[in-house]
Structures are given as C-alpha cells and as structure tokens.
Amino acid sequence: MSYTTIRVSAPGSIMITGEHAVVYGYPSIVCAIDQRITVEALPLTERRVEIVSDIAPPMTLPLEFVSKGGRYRFILSAVEFFSNRLKHGVRLTISSKIDPSLGLGSSAAVTIASLAALATMVGEDLGQSLYTKALTIVRRNEGRGSGADLAASIFGGMLAYKLPTELLDKVPAGEISAEITQLPTPPILSLCHSGYKTPTPVVLAKVARSMVGREAAFEVLYQRMGQAAADAIVFAKKQDWLAFGAAISEYQGMMEELDVSDPTLGKIVGDALACPATIGAKISGSGLGDCVLAVGAVPIGFFQVTATSEGLRIDD
C-alpha cells in the first residue's frame, strides 16, 4: 500500500446577494475568497478514520461505523460516501486559514476538500459528482441549503448561481447541477462581524414560520429579491459597479422586509454607507447576526476580504 499523502485545499466564500430567495430557485451571487481550508489524506493500515484538526479535538472511529454528528459531521459524511471503496483506513488532517467564528463558507470548503481528497484516494474522477455529493451532505446535515458556497469552493471567482427546480428542496438524485456562471472580479469587498450569529437553519425555520398564512406576500417579496439579484448579475457582467452596488443596497431593504435584519446589523450597514467610497452594503448570509458586506471600500470597523479566482486545488 502506498503511503503517499494527498493534499487538497478549497477556498471559503461570501454571499454577495440572493440570500433566502436562492433556495426558491432565484439567482444569487457568491464569491470565493483567498482564505482556504486544506485537507491532507494519508492511508492507514487499520480500517479506521482518524481526524486531526486545529479547530476541534481529534477523533478516531472504525471505518465501518462512521458517526455523522458533531463538529466533524461534514467530514464524516464525506467519508461515508467512500467507506465501502476504501481498502484501508485514512487519517484526515484539517488545517484552516478561515476564522470559524466568521463562517465564510468554511463548512462548504471542508466538505469539498474532504470529498476531493477521498475521491482522489480511491481513483474516482471528480467531475460533476463532487458538487452532487457535497450538496447531498449539506442537505442531510442542514436541511435546505442552497449550495452556492459549494460552487465557490469548487470553481473559485465570483459566480452567478441558480438552483434548478429539481434541486430546490430535496437531496440530489443523479448528477444534477446548478446553473453556474463566472462573473468578473468584483471591486473591493470588506466585512464587519456583528459579534453574534444565528445558525442558518434556525433563521430559515423562523422565516418559514413567518410565511405560514402569508405565502402570496412572501412570493412577491422573493420575486423582488430575485429581480434585484438578477440585476446585480447583469451589472457585474457589464462591470457597471456603481449600479451593482446600488442593487446590493436595494437587496438589504428586502432583507429587512424579510425580518432577518435587526438594529445592530442596520447600524453597521448605515455606517458602511456613510463612507464616501462605499457603493453598496448589505447583510452577507442568512441574517440575524454574522457579517455585513461593504462593496467598494473598507469602512471603519470593517476588514478587507480578497476575491480569488482559484477554486479547488489538488497538490501533486
């Protein structure tokens, strides 16, 4: 048995626009950033999986009885896809340049990197199945995830992303992918963390409860959100960044209508827009905490994030 280590890395990401509406089939924009997660896979003689990382205590489990809970649930779900094809155990060493307290697509990045490392180990062509397997993992662990951050971790760059009807609310059946289009590199992007975070599934559940009995009104809101995201895509393709920023700010107003903003987030957005060089600002992500995105500037209290064109990387 060869004991060569396979080294794979994938970038984190930020949502630019399209949150919430994307899970109903409307377009969105996501951008890969130059903070990466690296997974090193080493074969083991014993049929077990060992996980070592700098974000949680190590874990060892028999390969045949992989648990899927806890901090390593995305990695263990990736192992489950390949456990019957592995002729040996595997040690996965995870290192991250992404601050886990900020999100930044870290779950998507580690899922993509783990799947790619294991697929390489068993000699499987990555191809389209990588996205399908990753979206399956997200849906099984988090429910109704869009998978936009998965696309950013695979392809890199700023992407227009849209789910087809077949992928709106179920685990993928077969090799079905989203509509993914590369967009030009955006202007300066910066973030300000609110100091707190509400998990995305909790936010989505809150919105779903609010929707009961008001489905028609919410559908109109989602249509408006989808149109604003579609406009932003058109402006990005033309590199009309002032119009792009205006569409970003317009989307923030609709996030407020959806009741996923709050006074703290609203103040951060307002402070960002008070910076003369800022061309747009909004919540980045599902809302009720986490980060605010500013486009075109790095306002006071924000930190710059750099877009990267490099997606999944497998080192020889």
Protein backbone atom coordinates (compact mmCIF):
# COMPACT_ATOMS: atom_id res chain seq x y z
CA MET A 1 0.00 0.00 0.00
CA SER A 2 1.33 3.45 -0.91
CA TYR A 3 1.52 5.87 1.99
CA THR A 4 1.64 8.98 -0.16
CA THR A 5 -0.24 11.91 1.37
CA ILE A 6 -2.90 13.54 -0.80
CA ARG A 7 -3.16 17.29 -0.19
CA VAL A 8 -6.28 19.21 -1.26
CA SER A 9 -7.45 22.73 -0.48
CA ALA A 10 -10.58 24.74 -1.20
CA PRO A 11 -11.43 28.42 -0.66
CA GLY A 12 -14.01 29.88 1.64
CA SER A 13 -16.65 32.24 0.28
CA ILE A 14 -19.04 35.07 0.98
CA MET A 15 -22.56 35.61 -0.28
CA ILE A 16 -22.82 38.82 -2.26
CA THR A 17 -26.57 38.81 -2.87
CA GLY A 18 -29.54 36.47 -3.33
CA GLU A 19 -29.79 35.05 0.19
CA HIS A 20 -33.07 33.33 1.08
CA ALA A 21 -34.54 33.75 -2.42
CA VAL A 22 -31.87 31.40 -3.81
CA VAL A 23 -33.40 28.37 -2.08
CA TYR A 24 -36.63 29.06 -4.02
CA GLY A 25 -34.88 28.98 -7.38
CA TYR A 26 -34.00 32.65 -7.79
CA PRO A 27 -30.49 33.76 -8.83
CA SER A 28 -27.72 34.71 -6.43
CA ILE A 29 -24.09 35.81 -6.42
CA VAL A 30 -21.36 34.17 -4.35
CA CYS A 31 -17.63 34.91 -4.29
CA ALA A 32 -14.66 32.73 -3.34
CA ILE A 33 -12.11 34.37 -1.04
CA ASP A 34 -8.40 33.74 -0.60
CA GLN A 35 -8.78 32.07 2.81
CA ARG A 36 -8.58 28.31 2.37
CA ILE A 37 -9.09 25.02 4.18
CA THR A 38 -6.57 22.25 3.50
CA VAL A 39 -7.22 18.52 3.92
CA GLU A 40 -4.35 16.02 3.90
CA ALA A 41 -5.37 12.37 3.49
CA LEU A 42 -2.95 9.60 4.48
CA PRO A 43 -3.78 5.87 4.14
CA LEU A 44 -3.70 3.79 7.33
CA THR A 45 -3.19 0.03 7.63
CA GLU A 46 -6.07 -0.30 10.11
CA ARG A 47 -9.63 0.21 8.86
CA ARG A 48 -10.36 3.32 10.83
CA VAL A 49 -10.77 7.02 10.20
CA GLU A 50 -8.69 9.47 12.17
CA ILE A 51 -9.41 13.20 12.05
CA VAL A 52 -6.92 15.74 13.32
CA SER A 53 -7.60 19.46 13.05
CA ASP A 54 -6.78 22.83 14.53
CA ILE A 55 -10.43 23.64 15.27
CA ALA A 56 -11.60 20.67 17.39
CA PRO A 57 -10.21 17.71 19.39
CA PRO A 58 -9.01 14.68 17.36
CA MET A 59 -11.41 11.82 16.64
CA THR A 60 -10.91 8.13 15.78
CA LEU A 61 -13.69 5.81 14.61
CA PRO A 62 -13.93 2.41 12.91
CA LEU A 63 -14.38 2.95 9.19
CA GLU A 64 -17.49 0.77 9.13
CA PHE A 65 -19.24 2.73 11.88
CA VAL A 66 -18.75 6.34 10.94
CA SER A 67 -20.73 8.70 13.15
CA LYS A 68 -22.23 11.70 11.38
CA GLY A 69 -22.76 14.14 14.24
CA GLY A 70 -20.73 16.82 15.97
CA ARG A 71 -18.10 19.26 14.77
CA TYR A 72 -16.83 16.82 12.13
CA ARG A 73 -20.23 15.95 10.63
CA PHE A 74 -19.39 17.26 7.13
CA ILE A 75 -16.08 15.40 7.03
CA LEU A 76 -17.59 12.18 8.34
CA SER A 77 -20.41 12.42 5.81
CA ALA A 78 -17.75 12.67 3.11
CA VAL A 79 -16.01 9.57 4.47
CA GLU A 80 -19.33 7.70 4.39
CA PHE A 81 -19.50 8.13 0.60
CA PHE A 82 -16.22 6.27 0.17
CA SER A 83 -16.01 3.90 3.18
CA ASN A 84 -17.04 0.83 1.16
CA ARG A 85 -14.45 1.60 -1.54
CA LEU A 86 -11.52 2.31 0.74
CA LYS A 87 -9.27 -0.74 1.02
CA HIS A 88 -7.62 0.78 4.09
CA GLY A 89 -8.20 3.35 6.78
CA VAL A 90 -7.47 7.03 6.43
CA ARG A 91 -6.11 9.86 8.51
CA LEU A 92 -7.51 13.28 7.57
CA THR A 93 -5.57 16.28 8.80
CA ILE A 94 -7.50 19.54 8.54
CA SER A 95 -5.91 22.98 8.66
CA SER A 96 -7.80 26.21 8.15
CA LYS A 97 -6.97 29.81 7.32
CA ILE A 98 -10.66 30.68 7.78
CA ASP A 99 -11.80 32.10 11.11
CA PRO A 100 -14.52 29.59 12.10
CA SER A 101 -16.36 32.24 14.14
CA LEU A 102 -16.99 34.20 10.92
CA GLY A 103 -18.41 31.37 8.82
CA LEU A 104 -17.07 32.46 5.42
CA GLY A 105 -18.10 29.21 3.78
CA SER A 106 -15.87 27.08 6.00
CA SER A 107 -18.31 24.15 6.08
CA ALA A 108 -18.53 24.14 2.29
CA ALA A 109 -14.76 24.39 1.89
CA VAL A 110 -14.02 21.48 4.23
CA THR A 111 -16.76 19.39 2.60
CA ILE A 112 -15.38 19.97 -0.90
CA ALA A 113 -11.76 19.43 0.14
CA SER A 114 -12.59 16.22 2.07
CA LEU A 115 -14.62 14.77 -0.79
CA ALA A 116 -11.91 15.62 -3.32
CA ALA A 117 -9.15 14.09 -1.17
CA LEU A 118 -11.10 10.86 -0.68
CA ALA A 119 -12.15 10.68 -4.34
CA THR A 120 -8.51 11.06 -5.36
CA MET A 121 -7.52 8.34 -2.90
CA VAL A 122 -9.92 5.80 -4.45
CA GLY A 123 -9.17 6.90 -8.02
CA GLU A 124 -12.56 8.45 -8.76
CA ASP A 125 -12.88 11.18 -11.37
CA LEU A 126 -14.04 14.31 -9.55
CA GLY A 127 -16.26 15.73 -12.31
CA GLN A 128 -19.84 16.68 -11.63
CA SER A 129 -20.31 14.13 -8.86
CA LEU A 130 -18.28 16.31 -6.48
CA TYR A 131 -20.96 19.02 -6.44
CA THR A 132 -23.77 16.47 -6.19
CA LYS A 133 -22.17 14.61 -3.28
CA ALA A 134 -21.42 17.89 -1.50
CA LEU A 135 -24.98 19.20 -1.86
CA THR A 136 -26.27 15.86 -0.58
CA ILE A 137 -24.10 16.25 2.52
CA VAL A 138 -25.31 19.82 3.11
CA ARG A 139 -28.97 18.84 2.73
CA ARG A 140 -28.61 15.84 5.05
CA ASN A 141 -26.90 17.89 7.73
CA GLU A 142 -28.57 21.29 7.45
CA GLY A 143 -31.82 20.80 5.57
CA ARG A 144 -32.49 23.36 2.87
CA GLY A 145 -29.03 24.70 1.99
CA SER A 146 -28.55 26.39 -1.40
CA GLY A 147 -25.08 25.03 -2.15
CA ALA A 148 -23.88 28.36 -3.55
CA ASP A 149 -20.84 28.27 -1.26
CA LEU A 150 -20.04 24.77 -2.56
CA ALA A 151 -19.86 26.12 -6.11
CA ALA A 152 -17.48 28.88 -4.97
CA SER A 153 -15.22 26.35 -3.25
CA ILE A 154 -15.08 24.21 -6.40
CA PHE A 155 -14.72 26.83 -9.12
CA GLY A 156 -13.39 29.98 -7.41
CA GLY A 157 -14.12 33.52 -8.59
CA MET A 158 -17.35 35.46 -8.30
CA LEU A 159 -20.23 33.34 -9.57
CA ALA A 160 -23.84 33.74 -10.59
CA TYR A 161 -25.62 30.72 -9.08
CA LYS A 162 -29.16 29.41 -9.57
CA LEU A 163 -30.74 26.15 -8.45
CA PRO A 164 -32.84 24.19 -10.95
CA THR A 165 -36.32 23.07 -9.92
CA GLU A 166 -35.06 19.51 -9.34
CA LEU A 167 -32.76 20.70 -6.55
CA LEU A 168 -34.95 23.15 -4.67
CA ASP A 169 -35.97 21.11 -1.66
CA LYS A 170 -34.59 17.60 -1.87
CA VAL A 171 -31.40 15.60 -1.74
CA PRO A 172 -29.99 15.32 -5.29
CA ALA A 173 -30.98 12.23 -7.27
CA GLY A 174 -28.42 11.67 -10.02
CA GLU A 175 -25.89 14.07 -11.44
CA ILE A 176 -27.84 17.34 -11.40
CA SER A 177 -26.01 20.65 -11.06
CA ALA A 178 -26.92 24.27 -10.54
CA GLU A 179 -26.61 26.97 -13.19
CA ILE A 180 -23.17 28.45 -12.53
CA THR A 181 -21.64 31.37 -14.46
CA GLN A 182 -18.29 33.07 -13.84
CA LEU A 183 -18.52 36.83 -13.33
CA PRO A 184 -15.78 39.50 -13.49
CA THR A 185 -13.65 40.13 -10.41
CA PRO A 186 -15.59 42.48 -8.09
CA PRO A 187 -14.41 45.79 -6.60
CA ILE A 188 -13.05 45.94 -3.04
CA LEU A 189 -15.05 43.75 -0.66
CA SER A 190 -14.98 44.13 3.11
CA LEU A 191 -16.84 42.67 6.08
CA CYS A 192 -17.78 43.69 9.59
CA HIS A 193 -18.79 40.98 12.04
CA SER A 194 -21.77 41.82 14.23
CA GLY A 195 -20.37 39.90 17.20
CA TYR A 196 -23.07 37.22 17.16
CA LYS A 197 -24.52 34.62 14.81
CA THR A 198 -27.80 32.77 14.41
CA PRO A 199 -27.31 29.41 12.63
CA THR A 200 -28.67 29.44 9.09
CA PRO A 201 -31.15 26.55 9.69
CA VAL A 202 -32.60 28.50 12.64
CA VAL A 203 -33.02 31.62 10.52
CA LEU A 204 -34.64 29.64 7.70
CA ALA A 205 -37.03 28.00 10.16
CA LYS A 206 -38.00 31.42 11.55
CA VAL A 207 -38.74 32.73 8.06
CA ALA A 208 -40.74 29.59 7.24
CA ARG A 209 -42.91 30.13 10.34
CA SER A 210 -43.49 33.75 9.38
CA MET A 211 -44.57 32.65 5.92
CA VAL A 212 -47.48 30.50 7.15
CA GLY A 213 -50.72 32.13 6.01
CA ARG A 214 -48.81 34.83 4.10
CA GLU A 215 -47.45 32.73 1.26
CA ALA A 216 -48.60 35.07 -1.53
CA ALA A 217 -46.97 38.13 0.06
CA PHE A 218 -43.73 36.24 0.59
CA GLU A 219 -43.73 35.01 -3.00
CA VAL A 220 -43.95 38.62 -4.20
CA LEU A 221 -41.07 39.55 -1.91
CA TYR A 222 -38.95 36.66 -3.18
CA GLN A 223 -39.70 37.70 -6.77
CA ARG A 224 -38.43 41.19 -5.99
CA MET A 225 -35.35 39.76 -4.31
CA GLY A 226 -34.73 37.54 -7.31
CA GLN A 227 -35.04 40.50 -9.67
CA ALA A 228 -32.59 42.57 -7.61
CA ALA A 229 -30.08 39.70 -7.68
CA ALA A 230 -30.61 39.23 -11.43
CA ASP A 231 -30.00 42.96 -11.94
CA ALA A 232 -26.78 42.73 -9.94
CA ILE A 233 -25.64 39.87 -12.18
CA VAL A 234 -26.28 41.95 -15.32
CA PHE A 235 -24.41 44.92 -13.84
CA ALA A 236 -21.49 42.70 -12.84
CA LYS A 237 -21.22 41.29 -16.36
CA LYS A 238 -21.07 44.87 -17.68
CA GLN A 239 -18.68 45.85 -14.85
CA ASP A 240 -21.06 48.70 -14.03
CA TRP A 241 -20.01 48.64 -10.40
CA LEU A 242 -21.97 51.69 -9.25
CA ALA A 243 -25.20 50.07 -10.44
CA PHE A 244 -24.02 46.77 -8.96
CA GLY A 245 -23.55 48.44 -5.58
CA ALA A 246 -26.98 50.05 -5.77
CA ALA A 247 -28.56 46.63 -6.42
CA ILE A 248 -26.68 45.26 -3.39
CA SER A 249 -28.06 48.03 -1.18
CA GLU A 250 -31.55 47.52 -2.59
CA TYR A 251 -31.37 43.88 -1.52
CA GLN A 252 -30.63 44.96 2.06
CA GLY A 253 -34.00 46.69 2.18
CA MET A 254 -35.68 43.42 1.24
CA MET A 255 -33.70 41.51 3.88
CA GLU A 256 -35.20 43.99 6.36
CA GLU A 257 -38.69 43.27 4.97
CA LEU A 258 -37.96 39.57 5.47
CA ASP A 259 -37.24 40.43 9.13
CA VAL A 260 -33.74 38.94 9.15
CA SER A 261 -32.05 42.25 9.91
CA ASP A 262 -32.02 43.91 13.32
CA PRO A 263 -30.93 47.27 14.79
CA THR A 264 -27.30 46.20 15.19
CA LEU A 265 -27.00 45.00 11.61
CA GLY A 266 -28.89 48.04 10.37
CA LYS A 267 -26.47 50.37 12.12
CA ILE A 268 -23.45 48.56 10.63
CA VAL A 269 -24.99 48.86 7.16
CA GLY A 270 -25.68 52.56 7.75
CA ASP A 271 -22.13 53.17 8.97
CA ALA A 272 -20.76 51.44 5.88
CA LEU A 273 -22.87 53.55 3.54
CA ALA A 274 -21.69 56.70 5.34
CA CYS A 275 -18.20 56.00 3.99
CA PRO A 276 -17.94 58.08 0.76
CA ALA A 277 -16.22 55.31 -1.21
CA THR A 278 -18.80 52.63 -0.37
CA ILE A 279 -21.01 51.81 -3.37
CA GLY A 280 -23.23 49.25 -1.64
CA ALA A 281 -23.76 47.46 1.67
CA LYS A 282 -25.94 44.66 2.99
CA ILE A 283 -26.06 41.63 5.24
CA SER A 284 -23.92 38.79 3.88
CA GLY A 285 -25.58 35.48 4.69
CA SER A 286 -28.91 34.48 6.16
CA GLY A 287 -29.05 37.34 8.66
CA LEU A 288 -29.84 37.80 12.37
CA GLY A 289 -26.13 38.22 13.03
CA ASP A 290 -22.86 37.27 11.34
CA CYS A 291 -21.37 39.76 8.85
CA VAL A 292 -22.25 42.89 6.90
CA LEU A 293 -20.70 43.28 3.44
CA ALA A 294 -19.46 46.60 2.05
CA VAL A 295 -18.57 46.97 -1.63
CA GLY A 296 -16.03 49.45 -2.96
CA ALA A 297 -14.39 50.43 0.33
CA VAL A 298 -13.15 49.29 3.73
CA PRO A 299 -15.17 51.44 6.16
CA ILE A 300 -14.07 51.93 9.76
CA GLY A 301 -14.61 48.67 11.67
CA PHE A 302 -14.54 46.54 8.51
CA PHE A 303 -11.76 44.24 7.27
CA GLN A 304 -10.97 43.59 3.62
CA VAL A 305 -11.53 40.17 2.06
CA THR A 306 -9.87 39.33 -1.24
CA ALA A 307 -11.66 37.53 -4.03
CA THR A 308 -9.77 34.61 -5.55
CA SER A 309 -10.12 33.01 -8.96
CA GLU A 310 -8.61 29.76 -7.66
CA GLY A 311 -11.10 27.14 -6.58
CA LEU A 312 -10.39 23.55 -5.61
CA ARG A 313 -6.69 22.70 -5.72
CA ILE A 314 -5.15 19.22 -5.60
CA ASP A 315 -1.42 19.27 -4.95
CA ASP A 316 0.79 16.62 -6.52
